[in-house]
C-alpha atoms as a PDB file:
ATOM      1  CA  MET A   1     -25.189   7.123  68.714  1.00  0.00           C
ATOM      2  CA  TYR A   2     -24.129   4.823  65.931  1.00  0.00           C
ATOM      3  CA  PHE A   3     -20.592   6.254  65.839  1.00  0.00           C
ATOM      4  CA  THR A   4     -19.908   5.774  69.534  1.00  0.00           C
ATOM      5  CA  THR A   5     -21.043   2.136  69.669  1.00  0.00           C
ATOM      6  CA  HIS A   6     -19.605   0.944  66.380  1.00  0.00           C
ATOM      7  CA  PRO A   7     -16.320  -0.918  66.984  1.00  0.00           C
ATOM      8  CA  VAL A   8     -14.516   0.558  63.975  1.00  0.00           C
ATOM      9  CA  LEU A   9     -15.988   4.065  63.869  1.00  0.00           C
ATOM     10  CA  GLY A  10     -16.131   4.619  67.630  1.00  0.00           C
ATOM     11  CA  PHE A  11     -13.092   6.914  67.533  1.00  0.00           C
ATOM     12  CA  ILE A  12     -14.810   9.647  65.468  1.00  0.00           C
ATOM     13  CA  PRO A  13     -16.071  11.751  68.435  1.00  0.00           C
ATOM     14  CA  TRP A  14     -12.571  11.689  69.867  1.00  0.00           C
ATOM     15  CA  VAL A  15     -11.120  12.831  66.513  1.00  0.00           C
ATOM     16  CA  ARG A  16     -13.734  15.591  66.266  1.00  0.00           C
ATOM     17  CA  GLU A  17     -12.900  16.768  69.789  1.00  0.00           C
ATOM     18  CA  TYR A  18      -9.157  16.651  69.091  1.00  0.00           C
ATOM     19  CA  LEU A  19      -9.528  18.646  65.871  1.00  0.00           C
ATOM     20  CA  SER A  20     -11.672  21.288  67.584  1.00  0.00           C
ATOM     21  CA  PHE A  21      -9.031  21.778  70.288  1.00  0.00           C
ATOM     22  CA  THR A  22      -6.304  21.903  67.665  1.00  0.00           C
ATOM     23  CA  PHE A  23      -8.225  24.529  65.704  1.00  0.00           C
ATOM     24  CA  ILE A  24      -8.639  26.631  68.851  1.00  0.00           C
ATOM     25  CA  TYR A  25      -4.917  26.373  69.556  1.00  0.00           C
ATOM     26  CA  LEU A  26      -4.031  27.286  65.980  1.00  0.00           C
ATOM     27  CA  TRP A  27      -6.440  30.224  66.048  1.00  0.00           C
ATOM     28  CA  SER A  28      -4.922  31.557  69.253  1.00  0.00           C
ATOM     29  CA  PHE A  29      -1.420  30.980  67.824  1.00  0.00           C
ATOM     30  CA  PHE A  30      -2.048  32.993  64.652  1.00  0.00           C
ATOM     31  CA  SER A  31      -4.086  35.704  66.398  1.00  0.00           C
ATOM     32  CA  ASN A  32      -1.232  36.512  68.790  1.00  0.00           C
ATOM     33  CA  PRO A  33       0.403  39.828  67.703  1.00  0.00           C
ATOM     34  CA  LEU A  34       3.884  38.586  68.641  1.00  0.00           C
ATOM     35  CA  THR A  35       3.432  35.534  66.446  1.00  0.00           C
ATOM     36  CA  GLN A  36       2.230  37.717  63.597  1.00  0.00           C
ATOM     37  CA  GLU A  37       5.368  39.858  63.901  1.00  0.00           C
ATOM     38  CA  GLY A  38       7.874  37.090  64.555  1.00  0.00           C
ATOM     39  CA  PHE A  39       6.559  34.299  62.330  1.00  0.00           C
ATOM     40  CA  CYS A  40       3.829  35.375  59.910  1.00  0.00           C
ATOM     41  CA  LEU A  41       5.549  38.476  58.529  1.00  0.00           C
ATOM     42  CA  PRO A  42       8.910  36.785  57.739  1.00  0.00           C
ATOM     43  CA  ALA A  43       7.094  33.707  56.409  1.00  0.00           C
ATOM     44  CA  LEU A  44       5.083  35.907  54.046  1.00  0.00           C
ATOM     45  CA  PHE A  45       8.234  37.714  52.857  1.00  0.00           C
ATOM     46  CA  SER A  46      10.013  34.394  52.318  1.00  0.00           C
ATOM     47  CA  LEU A  47       7.078  32.921  50.403  1.00  0.00           C
ATOM     48  CA  LEU A  48       6.918  35.953  48.105  1.00  0.00           C
ATOM     49  CA  ILE A  49      10.683  35.815  47.517  1.00  0.00           C
ATOM     50  CA  PHE A  50      10.531  32.096  46.702  1.00  0.00           C
ATOM     51  CA  LEU A  51       7.624  32.636  44.310  1.00  0.00           C
ATOM     52  CA  LYS A  52       9.477  35.447  42.551  1.00  0.00           C
ATOM     53  CA  TYR A  53      12.912  33.838  42.186  1.00  0.00           C
ATOM     54  CA  THR A  54      12.105  30.143  41.755  1.00  0.00           C
ATOM     55  CA  LYS A  55      12.032  30.259  37.949  1.00  0.00           C
ATOM     56  CA  LYS A  56      14.747  32.927  37.597  1.00  0.00           C
ATOM     57  CA  THR A  57      17.480  30.865  39.260  1.00  0.00           C
ATOM     58  CA  SER A  58      19.216  28.029  37.408  1.00  0.00           C
ATOM     59  CA  TRP A  59      18.969  24.420  38.520  1.00  0.00           C
ATOM     60  CA  THR A  60      22.698  24.138  39.272  1.00  0.00           C
ATOM     61  CA  THR A  61      22.483  27.170  41.533  1.00  0.00           C
ATOM     62  CA  TRP A  62      19.476  25.674  43.305  1.00  0.00           C
ATOM     63  CA  LYS A  63      21.363  22.411  43.878  1.00  0.00           C
ATOM     64  CA  MET A  64      24.260  24.295  45.435  1.00  0.00           C
ATOM     65  CA  LEU A  65      21.977  26.441  47.590  1.00  0.00           C
ATOM     66  CA  LEU A  66      19.955  23.455  48.790  1.00  0.00           C
ATOM     67  CA  MET A  67      23.103  21.553  49.769  1.00  0.00           C
ATOM     68  CA  VAL A  68      24.341  24.567  51.742  1.00  0.00           C
ATOM     69  CA  GLU A  69      20.853  24.858  53.245  1.00  0.00           C
ATOM     70  CA  ALA A  70      20.929  21.214  54.374  1.00  0.00           C
ATOM     71  CA  VAL A  71      24.345  21.662  56.015  1.00  0.00           C
ATOM     72  CA  CYS A  72      23.138  24.822  57.766  1.00  0.00           C
ATOM     73  CA  ILE A  73      19.968  23.128  59.010  1.00  0.00           C
ATOM     74  CA  LEU A  74      21.928  20.190  60.406  1.00  0.00           C
ATOM     75  CA  ALA A  75      24.377  22.551  62.099  1.00  0.00           C
ATOM     76  CA  GLY A  76      21.425  24.379  63.636  1.00  0.00           C
ATOM     77  CA  TRP A  77      19.848  21.174  64.910  1.00  0.00           C
ATOM     78  CA  VAL A  78      23.093  19.939  66.412  1.00  0.00           C
ATOM     79  CA  SER A  79      23.718  23.232  68.197  1.00  0.00           C
ATOM     80  CA  LEU A  80      20.249  23.596  69.792  1.00  0.00           C
ATOM     81  CA  ARG A  81      20.212  24.522  73.452  1.00  0.00           C
ATOM     82  CA  TRP A  82      17.694  26.116  75.758  1.00  0.00           C
ATOM     83  CA  GLY A  83      18.846  28.999  77.929  1.00  0.00           C
ATOM     84  CA  ASN A  84      17.322  31.614  80.218  1.00  0.00           C
ATOM     85  CA  THR A  85      16.123  33.703  77.285  1.00  0.00           C
ATOM     86  CA  GLY A  86      14.820  30.893  75.097  1.00  0.00           C
ATOM     87  CA  LEU A  87      16.067  28.663  72.314  1.00  0.00           C
ATOM     88  CA  HIS A  88      19.582  29.255  71.008  1.00  0.00           C
ATOM     89  CA  THR A  89      20.845  27.883  67.696  1.00  0.00           C
ATOM     90  CA  PHE A  90      23.945  28.437  65.625  1.00  0.00           C
ATOM     91  CA  ASP A  91      22.972  29.884  62.255  1.00  0.00           C
ATOM     92  CA  LEU A  92      25.664  28.765  59.821  1.00  0.00           C
ATOM     93  CA  GLY A  93      23.820  30.564  57.026  1.00  0.00           C
ATOM     94  CA  PHE A  94      24.930  33.872  58.533  1.00  0.00           C
ATOM     95  CA  ILE A  95      28.513  32.863  57.714  1.00  0.00           C
ATOM     96  CA  LEU A  96      28.081  30.961  54.435  1.00  0.00           C
ATOM     97  CA  PHE A  97      25.444  33.011  52.611  1.00  0.00           C
ATOM     98  CA  PRO A  98      27.415  36.308  52.488  1.00  0.00           C
ATOM     99  CA  ILE A  99      30.407  34.423  51.076  1.00  0.00           C
ATOM    100  CA  ILE A 100      28.209  32.806  48.421  1.00  0.00           C
ATOM    101  CA  ALA A 101      26.599  36.195  47.713  1.00  0.00           C
ATOM    102  CA  TYR A 102      30.014  37.691  47.026  1.00  0.00           C
ATOM    103  CA  LEU A 103      31.390  34.819  44.953  1.00  0.00           C
ATOM    104  CA  ARG A 104      28.195  34.274  42.924  1.00  0.00           C
ATOM    105  CA  PRO A 105      26.764  37.662  41.890  1.00  0.00           C
ATOM    106  CA  SER A 106      24.194  35.931  39.655  1.00  0.00           C
ATOM    107  CA  ILE A 107      22.200  34.743  42.703  1.00  0.00           C
ATOM    108  CA  PRO A 108      19.530  37.260  43.754  1.00  0.00           C
ATOM    109  CA  ILE A 109      20.416  38.678  47.154  1.00  0.00           C
ATOM    110  CA  ALA A 110      16.821  38.506  48.465  1.00  0.00           C
ATOM    111  CA  LEU A 111      16.921  34.731  48.100  1.00  0.00           C
ATOM    112  CA  PHE A 112      19.379  34.531  51.003  1.00  0.00           C
ATOM    113  CA  TYR A 113      16.746  36.098  53.285  1.00  0.00           C
ATOM    114  CA  ALA A 114      14.241  33.365  52.464  1.00  0.00           C
ATOM    115  CA  LEU A 115      16.794  30.559  52.775  1.00  0.00           C
ATOM    116  CA  ASP A 116      17.980  31.833  56.147  1.00  0.00           C
ATOM    117  CA  PHE A 117      14.379  32.057  57.360  1.00  0.00           C
ATOM    118  CA  ILE A 118      13.961  28.357  56.526  1.00  0.00           C
ATOM    119  CA  ILE A 119      17.081  27.569  58.576  1.00  0.00           C
ATOM    120  CA  GLY A 120      15.729  29.463  61.585  1.00  0.00           C
ATOM    121  CA  LEU A 121      12.249  28.011  61.209  1.00  0.00           C
ATOM    122  CA  SER A 122      13.507  24.437  61.077  1.00  0.00           C
ATOM    123  CA  GLY A 123      15.614  24.948  64.201  1.00  0.00           C
ATOM    124  CA  ASP A 124      12.727  26.612  66.002  1.00  0.00           C
ATOM    125  CA  VAL A 125      10.265  23.865  65.094  1.00  0.00           C
ATOM    126  CA  TRP A 126      12.704  21.085  66.006  1.00  0.00           C
ATOM    127  CA  GLY A 127      13.565  22.753  69.324  1.00  0.00           C
ATOM    128  CA  ASP A 128       9.909  23.152  70.270  1.00  0.00           C
ATOM    129  CA  LEU A 129       9.084  19.591  69.299  1.00  0.00           C
ATOM    130  CA  TRP A 130      12.075  18.321  71.232  1.00  0.00           C
ATOM    131  CA  THR A 131      11.111  20.276  74.336  1.00  0.00           C
ATOM    132  CA  PHE A 132       7.352  19.765  74.414  1.00  0.00           C
ATOM    133  CA  HIS A 133       7.432  16.124  73.257  1.00  0.00           C
ATOM    134  CA  PHE A 134       4.739  16.553  70.600  1.00  0.00           C
ATOM    135  CA  HIS A 135       2.045  17.719  73.034  1.00  0.00           C
ATOM    136  CA  GLN A 136      -0.738  19.989  71.850  1.00  0.00           C
ATOM    137  CA  GLY A 137       0.354  23.587  71.575  1.00  0.00           C
ATOM    138  CA  TRP A 138       4.030  22.801  70.978  1.00  0.00           C
ATOM    139  CA  TYR A 139       4.125  25.447  68.240  1.00  0.00           C
ATOM    140  CA  PHE A 140       3.386  28.380  70.581  1.00  0.00           C
ATOM    141  CA  GLY A 141       7.098  29.150  70.920  1.00  0.00           C
ATOM    142  CA  ILE A 142       7.662  29.643  67.187  1.00  0.00           C
ATOM    143  CA  GLY A 143       8.155  33.334  66.533  1.00  0.00           C
ATOM    144  CA  GLY A 144       6.822  34.151  69.975  1.00  0.00           C
ATOM    145  CA  ALA A 145       9.181  37.058  70.701  1.00  0.00           C
ATOM    146  CA  GLY A 146       7.791  39.222  67.920  1.00  0.00           C
ATOM    147  CA  PHE A 147      10.239  41.668  66.364  1.00  0.00           C
ATOM    148  CA  HIS A 148      12.899  40.456  68.836  1.00  0.00           C
ATOM    149  CA  ASP A 149      12.645  36.842  67.676  1.00  0.00           C
ATOM    150  CA  GLY A 150      15.439  35.145  65.769  1.00  0.00           C
ATOM    151  CA  LEU A 151      13.033  34.269  62.954  1.00  0.00           C
ATOM    152  CA  PHE A 152      12.621  37.978  62.302  1.00  0.00           C
ATOM    153  CA  LEU A 153      16.104  39.330  63.071  1.00  0.00           C
ATOM    154  CA  VAL A 154      18.580  36.716  61.810  1.00  0.00           C
ATOM    155  CA  PRO A 155      17.397  36.689  58.165  1.00  0.00           C
ATOM    156  CA  LEU A 156      17.592  40.500  58.169  1.00  0.00           C
ATOM    157  CA  GLU A 157      21.112  40.373  59.590  1.00  0.00           C
ATOM    158  CA  THR A 158      22.110  37.800  56.972  1.00  0.00           C
ATOM    159  CA  LEU A 159      20.633  39.964  54.232  1.00  0.00           C
ATOM    160  CA  ALA A 160      22.567  42.986  55.531  1.00  0.00           C
ATOM    161  CA  ALA A 161      25.785  40.946  55.657  1.00  0.00           C
ATOM    162  CA  CYS A 162      25.205  39.766  52.075  1.00  0.00           C
ATOM    163  CA  ILE A 163      24.663  43.339  50.873  1.00  0.00           C
ATOM    164  CA  VAL A 164      27.750  44.614  52.692  1.00  0.00           C
ATOM    165  CA  LEU A 165      29.963  41.805  51.432  1.00  0.00           C
ATOM    166  CA  ARG A 166      28.717  41.856  47.824  1.00  0.00           C
ATOM    167  CA  TYR A 167      28.645  45.596  47.265  1.00  0.00           C
ATOM    168  CA  GLY A 168      30.897  46.882  50.054  1.00  0.00           C
ATOM    169  CA  LEU A 169      33.974  44.836  49.137  1.00  0.00           C
ATOM    170  CA  ALA A 170      33.578  45.654  45.456  1.00  0.00           C
ATOM    171  CA  PHE A 171      33.330  49.350  46.329  1.00  0.00           C
ATOM    172  CA  LEU A 172      36.328  49.188  48.640  1.00  0.00           C
ATOM    173  CA  SER A 173      38.426  47.298  46.103  1.00  0.00           C
ATOM    174  CA  ARG A 174      37.692  49.941  43.460  1.00  0.00           C
ATOM    175  CA  TYR A 175      38.161  52.763  45.941  1.00  0.00           C
ATOM    176  CA  MET A 176      41.512  51.483  47.101  1.00  0.00           C
ATOM    177  CA  SER A 177      42.471  50.532  43.497  1.00  0.00           C
ATOM    178  CA  ARG A 178      43.345  46.999  44.607  1.00  0.00           C
ATOM    179  CA  PRO A 179      41.378  43.966  43.547  1.00  0.00           C
ATOM    180  CA  PHE A 180      39.975  41.977  46.439  1.00  0.00           C
ATOM    181  CA  LEU A 181      39.233  38.432  45.335  1.00  0.00           C
ATOM    182  CA  ASP A 182      38.213  39.777  41.931  1.00  0.00           C
ATOM    183  CA  GLU A 183      40.581  37.390  40.165  1.00  0.00           C
ATOM    184  CA  TYR A 184      38.879  34.440  41.827  1.00  0.00           C
ATOM    185  CA  ARG A 185      35.423  35.850  41.211  1.00  0.00           C
ATOM    186  CA  ASP A 186      36.090  36.453  37.498  1.00  0.00           C
ATOM    187  CA  THR A 187      37.362  32.919  36.895  1.00  0.00           C
ATOM    188  CA  LYS A 188      34.131  31.346  38.226  1.00  0.00           C
ATOM    189  CA  LYS A 189      31.826  32.969  35.648  1.00  0.00           C
END
């Protein structure tokens, strides 16, 4: 009774009620199988990749990757649009990361998966916040399509493009006995 009549602490029951509803929403968000497939699984992979390669990558490489990441995130935010099938963003990382993977063979290829997941996650979060105007439960759309969600598929497609460009072009250039950008690649070492 003291908390509800006190002029300063009278908001505590409201905060307790708000937090209980938020916990229920979060519990139902994380217990949804589509969310576990579309958000939790790629987030876990990305976290493990970041933990593994954080110390193994040089600071100058991290600066370059973070600048490219910031440009890609801004491009994703600018290109947000809602359509019949959900949120659509332009993932610039799908174009830039394979090029960086080919020109910088010292960067671990798995790192591009984690960086592209961050691009998709930021666009997804910003799009949901923009649409639902910060109401409770705005995060239910993040990773909600399961294995068909962009948070799951686009980092895998970027990883496949990085593998094809890094190893496929080198194989083709040796197979065809013609160097393909090898002069440029060798001068950057």
